[in-house]
PDB file of N, CA and C in Angstrom:
ATOM      1  N   UNK A   1     157.559  94.813 105.635  1.00  0.00           N
ATOM      2  CA  UNK A   1     156.235  95.288 105.328  1.00  0.00           C
ATOM      3  C   UNK A   1     156.530  96.237 105.994  1.00  0.00           C
ATOM      4  N   UNK A   2     155.664  97.351 105.739  1.00  0.00           N
ATOM      5  CA  UNK A   2     155.992  98.237 106.142  1.00  0.00           C
ATOM      6  C   UNK A   2     153.944  99.543 105.915  1.00  0.00           C
ATOM      7  N   UNK A   3     153.996 100.290 105.975  1.00  0.00           N
ATOM      8  CA  UNK A   3     152.232 101.004 105.925  1.00  0.00           C
ATOM      9  C   UNK A   3     152.171 102.254 105.488  1.00  0.00           C
ATOM     10  N   UNK A   4     151.871 102.720 104.406  1.00  0.00           N
ATOM     11  CA  UNK A   4     152.095 104.144 103.902  1.00  0.00           C
ATOM     12  C   UNK A   4     150.959 104.472 103.373  1.00  0.00           C
ATOM     13  N   UNK A   5     150.844 105.654 103.051  1.00  0.00           N
ATOM     14  CA  UNK A   5     149.939 106.321 102.465  1.00  0.00           C
ATOM     15  C   UNK A   5     149.727 106.887 101.224  1.00  0.00           C
ATOM     16  N   UNK A   6     151.233 107.664 100.864  1.00  0.00           N
ATOM     17  CA  UNK A   6     152.110 108.497  99.827  1.00  0.00           C
ATOM     18  C   UNK A   6     152.016 106.777  99.050  1.00  0.00           C
ATOM     19  N   UNK A   7     151.019 107.398  97.823  1.00  0.00           N
ATOM     20  CA  UNK A   7     151.031 105.369  96.975  1.00  0.00           C
ATOM     21  C   UNK A   7     151.669 105.749  96.143  1.00  0.00           C
ATOM     22  N   UNK A   8     153.104 107.152  95.803  1.00  0.00           N
ATOM     23  CA  UNK A   8     154.120 107.793  94.684  1.00  0.00           C
ATOM     24  C   UNK A   8     155.002 106.482  95.581  1.00  0.00           C
ATOM     25  N   UNK A   9     155.020 107.053  96.791  1.00  0.00           N
ATOM     26  CA  UNK A   9     156.625 106.083  97.895  1.00  0.00           C
ATOM     27  C   UNK A   9     156.768 104.813  98.013  1.00  0.00           C
ATOM     28  N   UNK A  10     155.041 104.153  97.886  1.00  0.00           N
ATOM     29  CA  UNK A  10     154.657 102.424  98.038  1.00  0.00           C
ATOM     30  C   UNK A  10     155.507 102.772  96.229  1.00  0.00           C
ATOM     31  N   UNK A  11     154.492 102.529  94.909  1.00  0.00           N
ATOM     32  CA  UNK A  11     155.193 102.906  93.180  1.00  0.00           C
ATOM     33  C   UNK A  11     156.978 102.734  93.699  1.00  0.00           C
ATOM     34  N   UNK A  12     157.187 104.036  93.930  1.00  0.00           N
ATOM     35  CA  UNK A  12     159.258 103.572  94.330  1.00  0.00           C
ATOM     36  C   UNK A  12     160.256 102.957  94.790  1.00  0.00           C
ATOM     37  N   UNK A  13     159.959 102.586  96.097  1.00  0.00           N
ATOM     38  CA  UNK A  13     159.872 101.577  97.045  1.00  0.00           C
ATOM     39  C   UNK A  13     159.517 100.127  97.284  1.00  0.00           C
ATOM     40  N   UNK A  14     158.469  99.802  97.069  1.00  0.00           N
ATOM     41  CA  UNK A  14     158.012  98.599  97.194  1.00  0.00           C
ATOM     42  C   UNK A  14     157.669  97.874  96.431  1.00  0.00           C
ATOM     43  N   UNK A  15     157.787  96.676  96.270  1.00  0.00           N
ATOM     44  CA  UNK A  15     157.971  95.493  95.355  1.00  0.00           C
ATOM     45  C   UNK A  15     156.955  95.385  95.398  1.00  0.00           C
ATOM     46  N   UNK A  16     155.702  94.239  96.031  1.00  0.00           N
ATOM     47  CA  UNK A  16     154.356  94.423  96.713  1.00  0.00           C
ATOM     48  C   UNK A  16     153.810  95.255  96.743  1.00  0.00           C
ATOM     49  N   UNK A  17     152.508  95.050  97.059  1.00  0.00           N
ATOM     50  CA  UNK A  17     151.265  96.264  97.435  1.00  0.00           C
ATOM     51  C   UNK A  17     150.216  95.423  97.286  1.00  0.00           C
ATOM     52  N   UNK A  18     149.771  96.127  98.773  1.00  0.00           N
ATOM     53  CA  UNK A  18     148.403  95.524  99.154  1.00  0.00           C
ATOM     54  C   UNK A  18     147.708  97.171  99.457  1.00  0.00           C
ATOM     55  N   UNK A  19     146.340  96.995  98.638  1.00  0.00           N
ATOM     56  CA  UNK A  19     145.830  98.252  98.104  1.00  0.00           C
ATOM     57  C   UNK A  19     144.588  98.154  99.072  1.00  0.00           C
ATOM     58  N   UNK A  20     144.110  99.285  99.786  1.00  0.00           N
ATOM     59  CA  UNK A  20     142.793  99.421 100.284  1.00  0.00           C
ATOM     60  C   UNK A  20     142.178  99.444 100.017  1.00  0.00           C
ATOM     61  N   UNK A  21     140.792  99.953 100.344  1.00  0.00           N
ATOM     62  CA  UNK A  21     139.584 101.259 100.617  1.00  0.00           C
ATOM     63  C   UNK A  21     138.520 100.509 101.604  1.00  0.00           C
ATOM     64  N   UNK A  22     138.232 101.487 102.256  1.00  0.00           N
ATOM     65  CA  UNK A  22     137.572 100.945 103.785  1.00  0.00           C
ATOM     66  C   UNK A  22     137.606  99.491 104.060  1.00  0.00           C
ATOM     67  N   UNK A  23     138.735  99.409 104.401  1.00  0.00           N
ATOM     68  CA  UNK A  23     139.655  98.743 105.257  1.00  0.00           C
ATOM     69  C   UNK A  23     139.251  97.018 104.754  1.00  0.00           C
ATOM     70  N   UNK A  24     139.048  96.939 103.299  1.00  0.00           N
ATOM     71  CA  UNK A  24     138.703  95.604 102.280  1.00  0.00           C
ATOM     72  C   UNK A  24     140.242  95.839 101.299  1.00  0.00           C
ATOM     73  N   UNK A  25     140.358  94.630 100.701  1.00  0.00           N
ATOM     74  CA  UNK A  25     141.699  94.350 100.195  1.00  0.00           C
ATOM     75  C   UNK A  25     141.051  94.649  98.953  1.00  0.00           C
ATOM     76  N   UNK A  26     141.304  95.580  98.240  1.00  0.00           N
ATOM     77  CA  UNK A  26     140.291  96.248  96.450  1.00  0.00           C
ATOM     78  C   UNK A  26     141.939  95.820  95.750  1.00  0.00           C
ATOM     79  N   UNK A  27     143.021  95.190  95.633  1.00  0.00           N
ATOM     80  CA  UNK A  27     144.198  94.854  95.175  1.00  0.00           C
ATOM     81  C   UNK A  27     145.033  93.999  95.584  1.00  0.00           C
ATOM     82  N   UNK A  28     145.935  93.135  95.511  1.00  0.00           N
ATOM     83  CA  UNK A  28     147.301  92.635  95.725  1.00  0.00           C
ATOM     84  C   UNK A  28     147.528  92.125  94.786  1.00  0.00           C
ATOM     85  N   UNK A  29     149.164  93.000  95.304  1.00  0.00           N
ATOM     86  CA  UNK A  29     150.002  92.429  93.882  1.00  0.00           C
ATOM     87  C   UNK A  29     151.266  92.705  93.712  1.00  0.00           C
ATOM     88  N   UNK A  30     151.585  92.482  92.363  1.00  0.00           N
ATOM     89  CA  UNK A  30     153.258  93.906  91.992  1.00  0.00           C
ATOM     90  C   UNK A  30     152.918  94.468  92.285  1.00  0.00           C
ATOM     91  N   UNK A  31     153.969  96.044  92.032  1.00  0.00           N
ATOM     92  CA  UNK A  31     153.613  97.029  91.760  1.00  0.00           C
ATOM     93  C   UNK A  31     153.013  98.285  90.947  1.00  0.00           C
ATOM     94  N   UNK A  32     152.629  97.536  89.819  1.00  0.00           N
ATOM     95  CA  UNK A  32     152.336  98.069  88.754  1.00  0.00           C
ATOM     96  C   UNK A  32     151.451  97.177  88.702  1.00  0.00           C
ATOM     97  N   UNK A  33     150.574  96.207  88.962  1.00  0.00           N
ATOM     98  CA  UNK A  33     149.550  95.858  89.374  1.00  0.00           C
ATOM     99  C   UNK A  33     148.363  96.432  90.304  1.00  0.00           C
ATOM    100  N   UNK A  34     149.085  96.226  91.662  1.00  0.00           N
ATOM    101  CA  UNK A  34     147.832  96.912  92.192  1.00  0.00           C
ATOM    102  C   UNK A  34     147.763  98.642  92.617  1.00  0.00           C
ATOM    103  N   UNK A  35     149.151  98.621  91.573  1.00  0.00           N
ATOM    104  CA  UNK A  35     148.698 100.695  91.662  1.00  0.00           C
ATOM    105  C   UNK A  35     148.288 101.282  89.771  1.00  0.00           C
ATOM    106  N   UNK A  36     147.648 100.397  89.589  1.00  0.00           N
ATOM    107  CA  UNK A  36     146.839 100.334  87.818  1.00  0.00           C
ATOM    108  C   UNK A  36     146.441 102.130  88.487  1.00  0.00           C
ATOM    109  N   UNK A  37     146.540 102.469  87.119  1.00  0.00           N
ATOM    110  CA  UNK A  37     146.141 103.809  87.151  1.00  0.00           C
ATOM    111  C   UNK A  37     144.586 103.851  87.107  1.00  0.00           C
ATOM    112  N   UNK A  38     143.674 103.395  86.414  1.00  0.00           N
ATOM    113  CA  UNK A  38     142.985 102.705  85.692  1.00  0.00           C
ATOM    114  C   UNK A  38     142.138 102.235  87.845  1.00  0.00           C
ATOM    115  N   UNK A  39     142.288 101.151  87.881  1.00  0.00           N
ATOM    116  CA  UNK A  39     142.521 100.754  89.225  1.00  0.00           C
ATOM    117  C   UNK A  39     142.084 101.645  90.047  1.00  0.00           C
ATOM    118  N   UNK A  40     142.752 102.618  90.426  1.00  0.00           N
ATOM    119  CA  UNK A  40     143.021 103.941  91.068  1.00  0.00           C
ATOM    120  C   UNK A  40     142.303 104.815  91.361  1.00  0.00           C
ATOM    121  N   UNK A  41     141.849 105.006  89.557  1.00  0.00           N
ATOM    122  CA  UNK A  41     140.458 106.440  89.302  1.00  0.00           C
ATOM    123  C   UNK A  41     139.475 105.513  90.185  1.00  0.00           C
ATOM    124  N   UNK A  42     138.670 104.238  90.261  1.00  0.00           N
ATOM    125  CA  UNK A  42     137.989 103.743  89.890  1.00  0.00           C
ATOM    126  C   UNK A  42     137.120 103.582  92.085  1.00  0.00           C
ATOM    127  N   UNK A  43     138.741 103.400  92.304  1.00  0.00           N
ATOM    128  CA  UNK A  43     138.925 102.948  94.310  1.00  0.00           C
ATOM    129  C   UNK A  43     138.476 104.397  94.169  1.00  0.00           C
ATOM    130  N   UNK A  44     139.601 105.987  94.098  1.00  0.00           N
ATOM    131  CA  UNK A  44     139.178 106.911  95.316  1.00  0.00           C
ATOM    132  C   UNK A  44     138.717 108.251  93.604  1.00  0.00           C
ATOM    133  N   UNK A  45     138.034 107.646  92.776  1.00  0.00           N
ATOM    134  CA  UNK A  45     136.254 108.803  92.193  1.00  0.00           C
ATOM    135  C   UNK A  45     137.609 109.753  92.017  1.00  0.00           C
ATOM    136  N   UNK A  46     139.119 109.848  91.795  1.00  0.00           N
ATOM    137  CA  UNK A  46     139.980 110.554  90.957  1.00  0.00           C
ATOM    138  C   UNK A  46     140.867 110.514  89.786  1.00  0.00           C
ATOM    139  N   UNK A  47     141.410 110.901  88.783  1.00  0.00           N
ATOM    140  CA  UNK A  47     141.831 110.575  87.284  1.00  0.00           C
ATOM    141  C   UNK A  47     142.767 111.406  87.964  1.00  0.00           C
ATOM    142  N   UNK A  48     144.085 109.520  87.435  1.00  0.00           N
ATOM    143  CA  UNK A  48     144.755 108.776  87.677  1.00  0.00           C
ATOM    144  C   UNK A  48     146.281 108.629  85.914  1.00  0.00           C
ATOM    145  N   UNK A  49     147.795 109.570  86.195  1.00  0.00           N
ATOM    146  CA  UNK A  49     147.690 108.782  85.183  1.00  0.00           C
ATOM    147  C   UNK A  49     149.956 108.115  85.692  1.00  0.00           C
ATOM    148  N   UNK A  50     150.186 107.989  84.800  1.00  0.00           N
ATOM    149  CA  UNK A  50     151.246 107.343  84.806  1.00  0.00           C
ATOM    150  C   UNK A  50     152.360 108.501  84.166  1.00  0.00           C
ATOM    151  N   UNK A  51     153.080 108.968  84.959  1.00  0.00           N
ATOM    152  CA  UNK A  51     154.036 110.008  83.890  1.00  0.00           C
ATOM    153  C   UNK A  51     155.442 109.618  84.692  1.00  0.00           C
ATOM    154  N   UNK A  52     156.427 109.861  83.878  1.00  0.00           N
ATOM    155  CA  UNK A  52     157.701 109.537  83.884  1.00  0.00           C
ATOM    156  C   UNK A  52     158.297 110.895  84.075  1.00  0.00           C
ATOM    157  N   UNK A  53     159.329 111.386  85.002  1.00  0.00           N
ATOM    158  CA  UNK A  53     159.673 112.405  85.623  1.00  0.00           C
ATOM    159  C   UNK A  53     160.425 112.086  86.595  1.00  0.00           C
ATOM    160  N   UNK A  54     161.820 112.999  86.176  1.00  0.00           N
ATOM    161  CA  UNK A  54     163.307 112.182  86.074  1.00  0.00           C
ATOM    162  C   UNK A  54     163.290 111.712  86.160  1.00  0.00           C
ATOM    163  N   UNK A  55     163.166 110.462  85.591  1.00  0.00           N
ATOM    164  CA  UNK A  55     163.158 109.064  85.126  1.00  0.00           C
ATOM    165  C   UNK A  55     162.937 108.127  85.338  1.00  0.00           C
ATOM    166  N   UNK A  56     161.554 108.594  86.847  1.00  0.00           N
ATOM    167  CA  UNK A  56     160.926 107.274  88.211  1.00  0.00           C
ATOM    168  C   UNK A  56     159.127 107.693  87.274  1.00  0.00           C
ATOM    169  N   UNK A  57     159.150 106.992  87.682  1.00  0.00           N
ATOM    170  CA  UNK A  57     157.425 106.912  87.598  1.00  0.00           C
ATOM    171  C   UNK A  57     156.776 107.336  88.209  1.00  0.00           C
ATOM    172  N   UNK A  58     156.353 107.805  87.985  1.00  0.00           N
ATOM    173  CA  UNK A  58     155.136 108.319  89.243  1.00  0.00           C
ATOM    174  C   UNK A  58     154.347 107.945  88.478  1.00  0.00           C
ATOM    175  N   UNK A  59     152.883 108.207  89.276  1.00  0.00           N
ATOM    176  CA  UNK A  59     151.242 108.166  89.155  1.00  0.00           C
ATOM    177  C   UNK A  59     150.980 110.396  89.347  1.00  0.00           C
ATOM    178  N   UNK A  60     150.578 110.696  88.795  1.00  0.00           N
ATOM    179  CA  UNK A  60     149.926 111.535  88.856  1.00  0.00           C
ATOM    180  C   UNK A  60     147.820 111.895  88.732  1.00  0.00           C
ATOM    181  N   UNK A  61     147.470 112.286  90.245  1.00  0.00           N
ATOM    182  CA  UNK A  61     146.465 112.215  90.005  1.00  0.00           C
ATOM    183  C   UNK A  61     145.838 114.153  90.164  1.00  0.00           C
ATOM    184  N   UNK A  62     144.891 114.366  89.335  1.00  0.00           N
ATOM    185  CA  UNK A  62     144.697 115.440  88.603  1.00  0.00           C
ATOM    186  C   UNK A  62     143.526 115.516  89.169  1.00  0.00           C
ATOM    187  N   UNK A  63     143.146 117.133  89.094  1.00  0.00           N
ATOM    188  CA  UNK A  63     141.112 117.525  90.122  1.00  0.00           C
ATOM    189  C   UNK A  63     140.069 116.828  88.940  1.00  0.00           C
ATOM    190  N   UNK A  64     139.063 116.674  89.522  1.00  0.00           N
ATOM    191  CA  UNK A  64     138.195 116.590  88.703  1.00  0.00           C
ATOM    192  C   UNK A  64     137.910 115.218  89.059  1.00  0.00           C
ATOM    193  N   UNK A  65     136.185 114.246  88.585  1.00  0.00           N
ATOM    194  CA  UNK A  65     136.158 112.893  89.216  1.00  0.00           C
ATOM    195  C   UNK A  65     136.803 112.140  88.240  1.00  0.00           C
ATOM    196  N   UNK A  66     136.915 110.639  88.189  1.00  0.00           N
ATOM    197  CA  UNK A  66     137.040 110.282  86.869  1.00  0.00           C
ATOM    198  C   UNK A  66     135.674 109.556  86.330  1.00  0.00           C
ATOM    199  N   UNK A  67     135.516 109.753  84.599  1.00  0.00           N
ATOM    200  CA  UNK A  67     134.748 109.689  84.134  1.00  0.00           C
ATOM    201  C   UNK A  67     134.956 108.079  83.075  1.00  0.00           C
TER     202      UNK A  67
END
C-alpha cells in the first residue's frame, strides 16, 4: 500500500487505486477504472486526456476548466 499524490506515478506503478476527494472515496478499482479521464475531470475540475508518451500511458492535465 502506498499513499501518492502524483496521479501518473499511481497509473504507472499501482494495480489498484482508491481516488479520494475532500477525504471521501470517489472511485476504487483498477487504475483504468479509478483514473478515468472523465472522472478525473469531474473531480478536479480540469481537462484530462490520456496520451502515450515514450510507450507509456500518461494522463495529461491541461489548463482551463473542464466542460
